[in-house]
Amino acid sequence: MSDTANKRLTYLFDNGEYTELGVLAKSSGVITAYGTVEGSPVYAFSQDVSVNSGAVGKAQAEKIARVYELALRTGVPVVGIYDSCGADLSDGFAALDAYGELLARVSNLSGVVPQISVAAGVCAGCSAMMAAGADIVIAAEDAAIFTSPNSKVSSLAENAAKNGVVSVVAENDEQAIKKARELVAKLPQNNLSPLPMYEYEESGAPFGNNAEEQAKAICDADSVTVLGKECGKCAFTALASIGGSTVGVCGTDMQEGKLTAADCGKIARFVRLCDAFAMPVVTLVNTEGFDSSEEAEESGAVKNMAMLAHSYAEATTVKLSVITGKAYGTAFIALAGKNANADVTFALPNAVISPVDPLAAVEIMQHDALKGADDTEAKRKELAAEYAEKYASAQKAAENGSAELVEDASLLRDALINALDMMSGKRISTLPKKHSNIPM
C-alpha cells in the first residue's frame, strides 16, 4: 500500500487524523476511514493506484460499500477520492456486480447526505459514472475523468469542467482535497440537519456589475466558493454564507449574453442540490431572457429552460430573488416569479421588469410612432426607454406586488438577512408522488 492514498486522507481530516476501517483488508486497493472536518464527522475512501492500478473488484467494492452503509445509518457526508483505472478484469462478473452495487448506493444516498467526489488521478469508466453521481465533483488539474480510454480530448479535467461534470478544478490533488474539505464544511450533515453556523464579518466589497462581484458584496467576507465556473458562462453558482448561515447563490450575467442550455442546466442542478439539503437559494437576476437562436431551437434548448423552471418551482427551500438589472419575460417567471419560483423578489431601483424586451414592446405597441421618424433606430431606443420607465420599472413592479423595492444596493444585504430570518420557518406540503418527471 503506497503512502499516497493515506496522505490524501490526511489532507481531508482535521489535524490529518482519521480512523481506518477494514484495516486487515490491505490488498483491496482502497483505504476507507472516518474522521472529522471542522469538528463534524465525515466518511471517506481513497483509492490506491499502486495496488493493481486501483482496479475495482469485489474486495474494494465491499470496503467502499461499507462506507456508504455507515453513512446512511449515521447521516454523515461521504468524500470519495478516486484514482483507479477501472474494473478489475480478473474478477470478471464479480467486478461488474461490484460496480452495480456501488452505483446503486451512490444513487440511493443522493439527497440524504452530501457526497463529494475528488478525481485525484485516473477516474475511468464506471468509476467516472460513480464519481459524477456525487453532489459536487472536484478534479486535480492533471486528473483524467473519462468513460472512453481512446478519447482524443487533450485536457480531460478541463473538458469535464466545461461540460459541467466537474465543479472545481484545482492545481493538484492536495488542493482538490482541501477544496472538498472547504465545501463539506459548508454543507449540512444530512437532509434533516440544521445548516452550519459561522462567525462572520461583512465583506464591505462594492456591489459590482456582475453576479460574482454582487455575491461577494452581499455575502459574508471570504465565504463565496464558486462552483461550475467553466460551464455556462452566463450563469453563476456558489456556496456562501449570509449572516453566518450557508446559502446557495445563483446569478445571471447579461454581459455574457442570453441564457443558454448549459446555463439553464447548471443553475437547475445547483438549485436541486440546495433544495435537497434545505439551503436557501438567493438568485441575482440580470438577463434579457433565454437564447432563442436557430441553433438553440435546433438543439432543443427549451428542454433545459423547462428544467430550470421546474427546479425552482419544485424546490421547497427558501427562495429569494433580486432583480439587479434586466428581467424579461419567461426568464423573470422562471427565476423570480412570485410564489412558485420565489418566496420574495427584491428589485433594485434600476431594475427593468417586462413581459418582453422594451424594444420589442415598442414595435408592437407604438409602431405608428416609429413611422416617419428621421432616425428610426434612435426613436425606437427613445420610446423603449420611456416604456421601461413608465411600465417596466422597479417602482411599477413594487406597486403591482411583483417585487419589493430596495432603494439602494447598500441596503440589500440587510434586506436579505431579514428575509432569511423571517422565512426560516418555511413549511411546504407537497402532493404525494413517487417523484417528479423533470425534463432531463
Protein backbone atom coordinates (compact mmCIF):
# COMPACT_ATOMS: atom_id res chain seq x y z
CA MET A 1 0.00 0.00 0.00
CA SER A 2 1.53 3.32 -1.06
CA ASP A 3 1.69 6.43 1.11
CA THR A 4 -0.26 8.47 -1.45
CA ALA A 5 -3.71 7.13 -0.58
CA ASN A 6 -3.00 7.66 3.14
CA LYS A 7 -1.60 11.13 2.60
CA ARG A 8 -4.67 12.21 0.66
CA LEU A 9 -6.86 11.35 3.64
CA THR A 10 -4.66 13.48 5.91
CA TYR A 11 -5.38 16.46 3.64
CA LEU A 12 -9.10 15.97 4.31
CA PHE A 13 -9.43 15.34 8.03
CA ASP A 14 -8.82 17.66 10.98
CA ASN A 15 -5.17 17.54 12.08
CA GLY A 16 -4.61 14.86 9.43
CA GLU A 17 -6.06 12.27 11.81
CA TYR A 18 -8.54 9.52 10.94
CA THR A 19 -9.63 6.03 11.93
CA GLU A 20 -9.19 3.41 9.25
CA LEU A 21 -11.90 0.85 8.53
CA GLY A 22 -11.16 -2.72 7.38
CA VAL A 23 -7.52 -2.41 8.42
CA LEU A 24 -6.70 -6.03 7.63
CA ALA A 25 -8.05 -5.85 4.06
CA LYS A 26 -4.84 -4.28 2.75
CA SER A 27 -4.82 -5.81 -0.74
CA SER A 28 -8.09 -4.24 -1.86
CA GLY A 29 -6.56 -1.10 -3.38
CA VAL A 30 -8.55 1.34 -1.25
CA ILE A 31 -8.37 2.87 2.22
CA THR A 32 -11.69 3.56 3.94
CA ALA A 33 -11.89 5.76 7.01
CA TYR A 34 -13.78 8.21 9.15
CA GLY A 35 -12.72 11.38 10.92
CA THR A 36 -13.83 14.97 11.39
CA VAL A 37 -13.85 18.05 9.16
CA GLU A 38 -14.17 21.28 11.14
CA GLY A 39 -15.33 19.15 14.05
CA SER A 40 -18.11 17.31 12.18
CA PRO A 41 -17.90 13.59 11.26
CA VAL A 42 -17.19 12.57 7.66
CA TYR A 43 -16.65 9.18 5.99
CA ALA A 44 -14.16 8.86 3.14
CA PHE A 45 -12.40 6.42 0.87
CA SER A 46 -9.14 6.87 -1.01
CA GLN A 47 -8.25 4.57 -3.90
CA ASP A 48 -4.67 3.36 -4.17
CA VAL A 49 -3.47 3.20 -7.76
CA SER A 50 -0.30 1.39 -6.66
CA VAL A 51 -2.33 -1.77 -5.92
CA ASN A 52 -3.37 -3.41 -9.20
CA SER A 53 -3.73 0.09 -10.76
CA GLY A 54 -6.52 0.75 -8.28
CA ALA A 55 -8.75 -1.64 -10.23
CA VAL A 56 -12.12 -2.15 -8.57
CA GLY A 57 -13.03 -5.73 -7.79
CA LYS A 58 -15.15 -7.44 -5.17
CA ALA A 59 -12.82 -6.71 -2.23
CA GLN A 60 -12.51 -2.98 -2.95
CA ALA A 61 -16.22 -2.63 -3.66
CA GLU A 62 -17.13 -4.28 -0.35
CA LYS A 63 -14.96 -1.82 1.58
CA ILE A 64 -16.45 1.19 -0.23
CA ALA A 65 -19.98 -0.20 0.12
CA ARG A 66 -19.42 -0.40 3.87
CA VAL A 67 -18.67 3.34 3.92
CA TYR A 68 -21.95 4.10 2.18
CA GLU A 69 -23.85 1.77 4.52
CA LEU A 70 -22.43 3.51 7.60
CA ALA A 71 -23.06 6.95 6.11
CA LEU A 72 -26.70 6.01 5.52
CA ARG A 73 -27.11 4.73 9.08
CA THR A 74 -25.50 7.74 10.71
CA GLY A 75 -26.44 10.57 8.35
CA VAL A 76 -22.83 11.57 7.69
CA PRO A 77 -21.31 13.02 4.46
CA VAL A 78 -19.09 10.93 2.17
CA VAL A 79 -15.96 12.11 0.34
CA GLY A 80 -14.64 9.76 -2.35
CA ILE A 81 -11.06 10.18 -3.58
CA TYR A 82 -10.71 8.45 -6.94
CA ASP A 83 -7.53 7.10 -8.52
CA SER A 84 -8.31 3.93 -10.44
CA CYS A 85 -8.06 2.67 -14.00
CA GLY A 86 -11.46 0.97 -13.74
CA ALA A 87 -12.80 -2.52 -13.09
CA ASP A 88 -10.59 -5.48 -12.16
CA LEU A 89 -11.00 -7.63 -15.28
CA SER A 90 -9.60 -10.65 -13.49
CA ASP A 91 -12.66 -10.54 -11.24
CA GLY A 92 -14.92 -10.90 -14.28
CA PHE A 93 -18.62 -10.84 -13.46
CA ALA A 94 -17.87 -10.17 -9.80
CA ALA A 95 -16.39 -6.82 -10.79
CA LEU A 96 -19.49 -5.94 -12.80
CA ASP A 97 -21.72 -6.85 -9.88
CA ALA A 98 -19.49 -4.85 -7.54
CA TYR A 99 -19.79 -1.70 -9.63
CA GLY A 100 -23.53 -2.20 -9.93
CA GLU A 101 -23.84 -2.26 -6.16
CA LEU A 102 -21.71 0.87 -5.75
CA LEU A 103 -23.65 2.83 -8.36
CA ALA A 104 -26.88 1.85 -6.59
CA ARG A 105 -25.51 3.00 -3.23
CA VAL A 106 -24.42 6.37 -4.64
CA SER A 107 -27.88 6.88 -6.13
CA ASN A 108 -29.76 5.74 -3.02
CA LEU A 109 -27.74 8.05 -0.80
CA SER A 110 -28.25 11.04 -3.11
CA GLY A 111 -30.17 13.79 -1.35
CA VAL A 112 -29.79 12.05 2.03
CA VAL A 113 -26.19 13.03 2.89
CA PRO A 114 -23.81 15.26 0.93
CA GLN A 115 -21.46 13.40 -1.39
CA ILE A 116 -18.29 14.95 -2.78
CA SER A 117 -16.04 13.25 -5.34
CA VAL A 118 -12.39 14.13 -5.86
CA ALA A 119 -10.72 12.94 -9.08
CA ALA A 120 -7.14 12.86 -7.82
CA GLY A 121 -5.76 10.76 -10.69
CA VAL A 122 -7.39 8.49 -13.24
CA CYS A 123 -11.15 8.23 -12.84
CA ALA A 124 -12.29 6.00 -15.69
CA GLY A 125 -15.31 4.07 -16.88
CA CYS A 126 -17.70 3.04 -14.10
CA SER A 127 -15.60 4.98 -11.58
CA ALA A 128 -16.28 8.13 -13.60
CA MET A 129 -20.00 7.35 -13.55
CA MET A 130 -19.88 6.77 -9.82
CA ALA A 131 -17.89 9.97 -9.17
CA ALA A 132 -20.24 12.01 -11.36
CA GLY A 133 -23.18 10.82 -9.26
CA ALA A 134 -21.97 12.90 -6.30
CA ASP A 135 -23.38 16.31 -5.42
CA ILE A 136 -20.09 18.07 -6.20
CA VAL A 137 -17.13 16.81 -8.25
CA ILE A 138 -13.64 18.28 -7.84
CA ALA A 139 -10.67 17.37 -10.03
CA ALA A 140 -6.95 17.92 -9.85
CA GLU A 141 -5.62 19.72 -12.92
CA ASP A 142 -3.75 16.63 -14.12
CA ALA A 143 -6.56 14.19 -13.31
CA ALA A 144 -8.30 12.23 -16.05
CA ILE A 145 -12.04 11.70 -15.72
CA PHE A 146 -13.48 9.89 -18.74
CA THR A 147 -15.54 6.94 -19.96
CA SER A 148 -13.64 6.22 -23.18
CA PRO A 149 -9.93 5.27 -22.94
CA ASN A 150 -9.45 6.29 -26.59
CA SER A 151 -10.70 9.85 -26.12
CA LYS A 152 -8.83 12.46 -28.15
CA VAL A 153 -9.70 15.23 -25.66
CA SER A 154 -6.39 16.83 -24.65
CA SER A 155 -7.22 18.08 -21.15
CA LEU A 156 -9.72 15.72 -19.55
CA ALA A 157 -10.17 17.67 -16.29
CA GLU A 158 -10.67 20.94 -18.16
CA ASN A 159 -13.11 19.30 -20.56
CA ALA A 160 -15.08 17.81 -17.67
CA ALA A 161 -15.31 21.30 -16.15
CA LYS A 162 -16.55 22.82 -19.41
CA ASN A 163 -19.30 20.23 -19.83
CA GLY A 164 -20.42 20.55 -16.22
CA VAL A 165 -19.27 17.19 -14.82
CA VAL A 166 -16.59 18.82 -12.65
CA SER A 167 -17.50 21.83 -10.48
CA VAL A 168 -13.97 22.84 -9.44
CA VAL A 169 -10.54 22.23 -11.00
CA ALA A 170 -7.67 22.54 -8.51
CA GLU A 171 -3.94 22.84 -9.05
CA ASN A 172 -3.14 19.36 -7.71
CA ASP A 173 -4.57 16.52 -5.62
CA GLU A 174 -3.77 18.24 -2.31
CA GLN A 175 -5.58 21.43 -3.30
CA ALA A 176 -8.50 19.44 -4.71
CA ILE A 177 -8.96 17.57 -1.42
CA LYS A 178 -8.63 20.77 0.59
CA LYS A 179 -11.37 22.27 -1.58
CA ALA A 180 -13.52 19.23 -0.75
CA ARG A 181 -12.82 19.90 2.91
CA GLU A 182 -13.90 23.54 2.49
CA LEU A 183 -17.13 22.55 0.74
CA VAL A 184 -18.15 19.72 3.06
CA ALA A 185 -17.81 22.18 5.96
CA LYS A 186 -20.36 24.46 4.28
CA LEU A 187 -22.92 21.69 3.82
CA PRO A 188 -25.24 20.28 6.49
CA GLN A 189 -24.53 16.77 7.77
CA ASN A 190 -27.64 15.38 6.08
CA ASN A 191 -31.05 16.34 4.74
CA LEU A 192 -32.55 16.58 8.24
CA SER A 193 -29.69 18.51 9.89
CA PRO A 194 -29.63 22.27 10.51
CA LEU A 195 -27.34 24.44 8.41
CA PRO A 196 -23.82 25.10 9.70
CA MET A 197 -23.42 28.42 11.51
CA TYR A 198 -20.29 30.56 11.40
CA GLU A 199 -18.83 33.62 12.98
CA TYR A 200 -18.84 36.21 10.24
CA GLU A 201 -17.95 39.70 9.13
CA GLU A 202 -19.43 41.86 6.41
CA SER A 203 -17.30 41.82 3.31
CA GLY A 204 -17.50 45.54 2.60
CA ALA A 205 -16.95 44.70 -1.08
CA PRO A 206 -18.51 47.09 -3.60
CA PHE A 207 -21.69 45.97 -5.37
CA GLY A 208 -20.22 45.38 -8.83
CA ASN A 209 -21.66 44.81 -12.28
CA ASN A 210 -21.54 41.02 -12.47
CA ALA A 211 -23.05 38.27 -10.35
CA GLU A 212 -19.79 37.19 -8.71
CA GLU A 213 -18.95 40.72 -7.57
CA GLN A 214 -22.50 41.20 -6.32
CA ALA A 215 -22.43 37.89 -4.44
CA LYS A 216 -19.22 38.91 -2.68
CA ALA A 217 -20.87 42.20 -1.67
CA ILE A 218 -24.00 40.67 -0.12
CA CYS A 219 -22.38 37.56 1.41
CA ASP A 220 -20.15 37.28 4.45
CA ALA A 221 -16.48 38.12 3.99
CA ASP A 222 -14.42 35.43 2.22
CA SER A 223 -17.35 32.98 2.23
CA VAL A 224 -18.05 32.65 -1.51
CA THR A 225 -16.92 29.35 -3.08
CA VAL A 226 -17.64 29.41 -6.80
CA LEU A 227 -18.84 26.19 -8.47
CA GLY A 228 -19.02 25.37 -12.17
CA LYS A 229 -17.10 28.44 -13.29
CA GLU A 230 -16.12 26.94 -16.66
CA CYS A 231 -19.61 25.73 -17.58
CA GLY A 232 -22.41 28.06 -18.66
CA LYS A 233 -20.72 31.45 -18.95
CA CYS A 234 -23.95 33.43 -18.45
CA ALA A 235 -24.70 31.69 -15.15
CA PHE A 236 -23.04 31.92 -11.75
CA THR A 237 -23.36 29.44 -8.88
CA ALA A 238 -21.64 29.41 -5.49
CA LEU A 239 -21.94 28.23 -1.92
CA ALA A 240 -21.54 31.03 0.61
CA SER A 241 -22.93 32.34 3.86
CA ILE A 242 -25.10 35.34 4.70
CA GLY A 243 -25.39 36.33 8.34
CA GLY A 244 -23.33 33.30 9.34
CA SER A 245 -25.55 30.66 7.69
CA THR A 246 -24.97 28.72 4.47
CA VAL A 247 -26.82 29.77 1.32
CA GLY A 248 -26.62 28.91 -2.35
CA VAL A 249 -26.17 31.92 -4.64
CA CYS A 250 -27.16 31.82 -8.32
CA GLY A 251 -26.74 34.63 -10.78
CA THR A 252 -27.19 35.53 -14.41
CA ASP A 253 -24.78 37.83 -16.23
CA MET A 254 -26.33 39.77 -19.08
CA GLN A 255 -22.90 40.90 -20.28
CA GLU A 256 -22.21 37.36 -21.47
CA GLY A 257 -25.47 37.10 -23.45
CA LYS A 258 -28.77 35.30 -23.02
CA LEU A 259 -29.16 32.10 -21.03
CA THR A 260 -28.10 29.01 -22.98
CA ALA A 261 -28.93 25.34 -22.42
CA ALA A 262 -25.68 24.98 -20.46
CA ASP A 263 -26.56 27.94 -18.23
CA CYS A 264 -30.03 26.54 -17.52
CA GLY A 265 -28.72 23.07 -16.73
CA LYS A 266 -26.04 24.47 -14.43
CA ILE A 267 -28.47 26.55 -12.37
CA ALA A 268 -31.13 23.81 -12.29
CA ARG A 269 -28.67 21.24 -10.95
CA PHE A 270 -27.43 23.69 -8.32
CA VAL A 271 -30.93 24.63 -7.15
CA ARG A 272 -31.75 20.93 -6.71
CA LEU A 273 -28.57 20.49 -4.62
CA CYS A 274 -29.57 23.39 -2.38
CA ASP A 275 -33.14 22.16 -2.07
CA ALA A 276 -32.06 18.61 -1.17
CA PHE A 277 -30.30 19.95 1.92
CA ALA A 278 -32.66 22.84 2.71
CA MET A 279 -30.11 25.53 1.88
CA PRO A 280 -31.77 28.83 0.94
CA VAL A 281 -31.27 29.97 -2.65
CA VAL A 282 -30.52 33.61 -3.43
CA THR A 283 -30.83 34.39 -7.14
CA LEU A 284 -29.34 37.54 -8.68
CA VAL A 285 -31.14 38.26 -11.94
CA ASN A 286 -29.84 40.37 -14.81
CA THR A 287 -30.76 38.83 -18.15
CA GLU A 288 -32.71 39.63 -21.28
CA GLY A 289 -34.02 36.07 -21.35
CA PHE A 290 -33.27 32.71 -22.89
CA ASP A 291 -31.24 32.11 -26.03
CA SER A 292 -33.70 31.89 -28.92
CA SER A 293 -31.17 31.47 -31.73
CA GLU A 294 -31.73 28.96 -34.50
CA GLU A 295 -29.01 26.77 -33.03
CA ALA A 296 -30.74 26.79 -29.63
CA GLU A 297 -34.06 25.84 -31.21
CA GLU A 298 -32.49 23.02 -33.22
CA SER A 299 -30.75 21.59 -30.15
CA GLY A 300 -33.96 21.56 -28.11
CA ALA A 301 -32.67 24.06 -25.55
CA VAL A 302 -36.26 24.65 -24.42
CA LYS A 303 -35.94 21.35 -22.53
CA ASN A 304 -33.19 22.86 -20.39
CA MET A 305 -35.25 26.01 -19.90
CA ALA A 306 -38.15 23.87 -18.68
CA MET A 307 -35.73 22.01 -16.40
CA LEU A 308 -34.66 25.33 -14.87
CA ALA A 309 -38.22 26.49 -14.25
CA HIS A 310 -39.15 23.04 -12.90
CA SER A 311 -36.22 23.02 -10.45
CA TYR A 312 -37.21 26.36 -8.97
CA ALA A 313 -40.92 25.52 -8.82
CA GLU A 314 -40.29 22.12 -7.22
CA ALA A 315 -37.83 23.45 -4.63
CA THR A 316 -39.39 23.90 -1.18
CA THR A 317 -36.37 25.57 0.39
CA VAL A 318 -36.35 29.35 0.96
CA LYS A 319 -36.02 31.16 -2.39
CA LEU A 320 -35.10 34.85 -2.56
CA SER A 321 -34.58 36.62 -5.88
CA VAL A 322 -33.05 40.02 -6.59
CA ILE A 323 -33.55 41.86 -9.89
CA THR A 324 -30.26 43.70 -10.23
CA GLY A 325 -30.77 44.82 -13.85
CA LYS A 326 -32.99 43.39 -16.55
CA ALA A 327 -35.54 40.58 -16.17
CA TYR A 328 -37.63 39.92 -19.25
CA GLY A 329 -40.47 37.52 -19.94
CA THR A 330 -40.01 33.83 -19.27
CA ALA A 331 -36.64 34.39 -17.59
CA PHE A 332 -38.30 36.58 -14.94
CA ILE A 333 -41.01 33.97 -14.43
CA ALA A 334 -38.53 31.10 -14.10
CA LEU A 335 -36.01 32.86 -11.85
CA ALA A 336 -38.06 35.33 -9.85
CA GLY A 337 -41.74 34.66 -10.47
CA LYS A 338 -43.97 35.33 -7.49
CA ASN A 339 -44.99 32.44 -5.17
CA ALA A 340 -43.93 29.36 -7.16
CA ASN A 341 -40.37 30.30 -8.09
CA ALA A 342 -39.52 32.89 -5.43
CA ASP A 343 -40.82 33.47 -1.92
CA VAL A 344 -39.69 37.09 -2.02
CA THR A 345 -38.45 39.06 -5.02
CA PHE A 346 -36.46 42.24 -4.46
CA ALA A 347 -35.72 44.83 -7.13
CA LEU A 348 -33.02 47.50 -7.18
CA PRO A 349 -34.05 50.96 -8.42
CA ASN A 350 -32.51 50.49 -11.89
CA ALA A 351 -34.31 47.17 -12.49
CA VAL A 352 -36.39 46.70 -15.64
CA ILE A 353 -39.06 44.01 -15.38
CA SER A 354 -41.00 43.49 -18.57
CA PRO A 355 -43.03 40.79 -20.35
CA VAL A 356 -40.79 41.37 -23.39
CA ASP A 357 -37.73 43.37 -24.34
CA PRO A 358 -38.83 47.06 -24.29
CA LEU A 359 -37.56 47.40 -27.88
CA ALA A 360 -39.94 44.62 -28.92
CA ALA A 361 -42.73 46.20 -26.88
CA VAL A 362 -42.29 49.45 -28.80
CA GLU A 363 -42.55 47.61 -32.13
CA ILE A 364 -45.83 46.10 -31.02
CA MET A 365 -47.42 48.92 -29.07
CA GLN A 366 -46.04 52.06 -30.74
CA HIS A 367 -45.44 51.03 -34.30
CA ASP A 368 -47.19 54.11 -35.63
CA ALA A 369 -44.96 56.40 -33.61
CA LEU A 370 -41.91 54.99 -35.42
CA LYS A 371 -43.28 55.81 -38.85
CA GLY A 372 -41.79 58.89 -40.42
CA ALA A 373 -39.05 59.28 -37.81
CA ASP A 374 -35.85 60.78 -39.23
CA ASP A 375 -33.79 58.27 -37.27
CA THR A 376 -35.89 55.17 -36.67
CA GLU A 377 -33.33 53.42 -34.50
CA ALA A 378 -32.82 56.44 -32.25
CA LYS A 379 -36.59 56.88 -31.96
CA ARG A 380 -37.03 53.20 -31.11
CA LYS A 381 -34.48 53.47 -28.29
CA GLU A 382 -36.12 56.65 -27.00
CA LEU A 383 -39.56 55.04 -26.93
CA ALA A 384 -38.14 51.88 -25.34
CA ALA A 385 -36.59 53.93 -22.54
CA GLU A 386 -39.92 55.68 -21.98
CA TYR A 387 -41.72 52.32 -21.93
CA ALA A 388 -39.24 50.89 -19.41
CA GLU A 389 -39.63 53.88 -17.11
CA LYS A 390 -43.43 54.10 -17.38
CA TYR A 391 -44.46 50.43 -17.48
CA ALA A 392 -41.49 48.23 -16.51
CA SER A 393 -39.63 49.98 -13.70
CA ALA A 394 -38.82 48.57 -10.26
CA GLN A 395 -41.25 51.11 -8.84
CA LYS A 396 -44.05 49.77 -11.06
CA ALA A 397 -43.20 46.19 -10.12
CA ALA A 398 -43.39 47.13 -6.43
CA GLU A 399 -46.73 48.91 -6.93
CA ASN A 400 -48.12 45.80 -8.63
CA GLY A 401 -46.84 43.46 -5.90
CA SER A 402 -44.37 41.70 -8.20
CA ALA A 403 -41.30 42.82 -6.23
CA GLU A 404 -40.12 44.57 -3.08
CA LEU A 405 -38.23 47.76 -3.91
CA VAL A 406 -34.79 48.14 -2.31
CA GLU A 407 -33.84 51.79 -2.58
CA ASP A 408 -30.08 51.21 -2.77
CA ALA A 409 -27.76 48.25 -3.28
CA SER A 410 -26.06 49.06 0.05
CA LEU A 411 -29.32 48.09 1.80
CA LEU A 412 -29.68 44.75 0.03
CA ARG A 413 -27.62 42.63 2.43
CA ASP A 414 -29.73 43.67 5.42
CA ALA A 415 -32.92 43.08 3.44
CA LEU A 416 -31.77 39.55 2.60
CA ILE A 417 -30.73 38.77 6.19
CA ASN A 418 -34.14 39.92 7.43
CA ALA A 419 -35.95 37.89 4.77
CA LEU A 420 -33.88 34.76 5.53
CA ASP A 421 -34.69 35.15 9.20
CA MET A 422 -38.41 35.62 8.56
CA MET A 423 -38.55 32.67 6.13
CA SER A 424 -36.53 30.29 8.32
CA GLY A 425 -39.68 28.52 9.47
CA LYS A 426 -41.00 27.96 5.95
CA ARG A 427 -43.07 24.81 5.61
CA ILE A 428 -44.50 23.45 2.36
CA SER A 429 -46.82 20.47 1.94
CA THR A 430 -46.38 18.68 -1.38
CA LEU A 431 -48.67 16.26 -3.16
CA PRO A 432 -47.90 12.56 -2.57
CA LYS A 433 -45.99 11.09 -5.51
CA LYS A 434 -43.05 8.83 -6.22
CA HIS A 435 -41.03 11.63 -7.85
CA SER A 436 -41.48 14.45 -10.32
CA ASN A 437 -40.77 13.83 -14.00
CA ILE A 438 -38.34 16.69 -14.51
CA PRO A 439 -37.21 17.28 -18.14
CA MET A 440 -33.74 15.73 -18.35
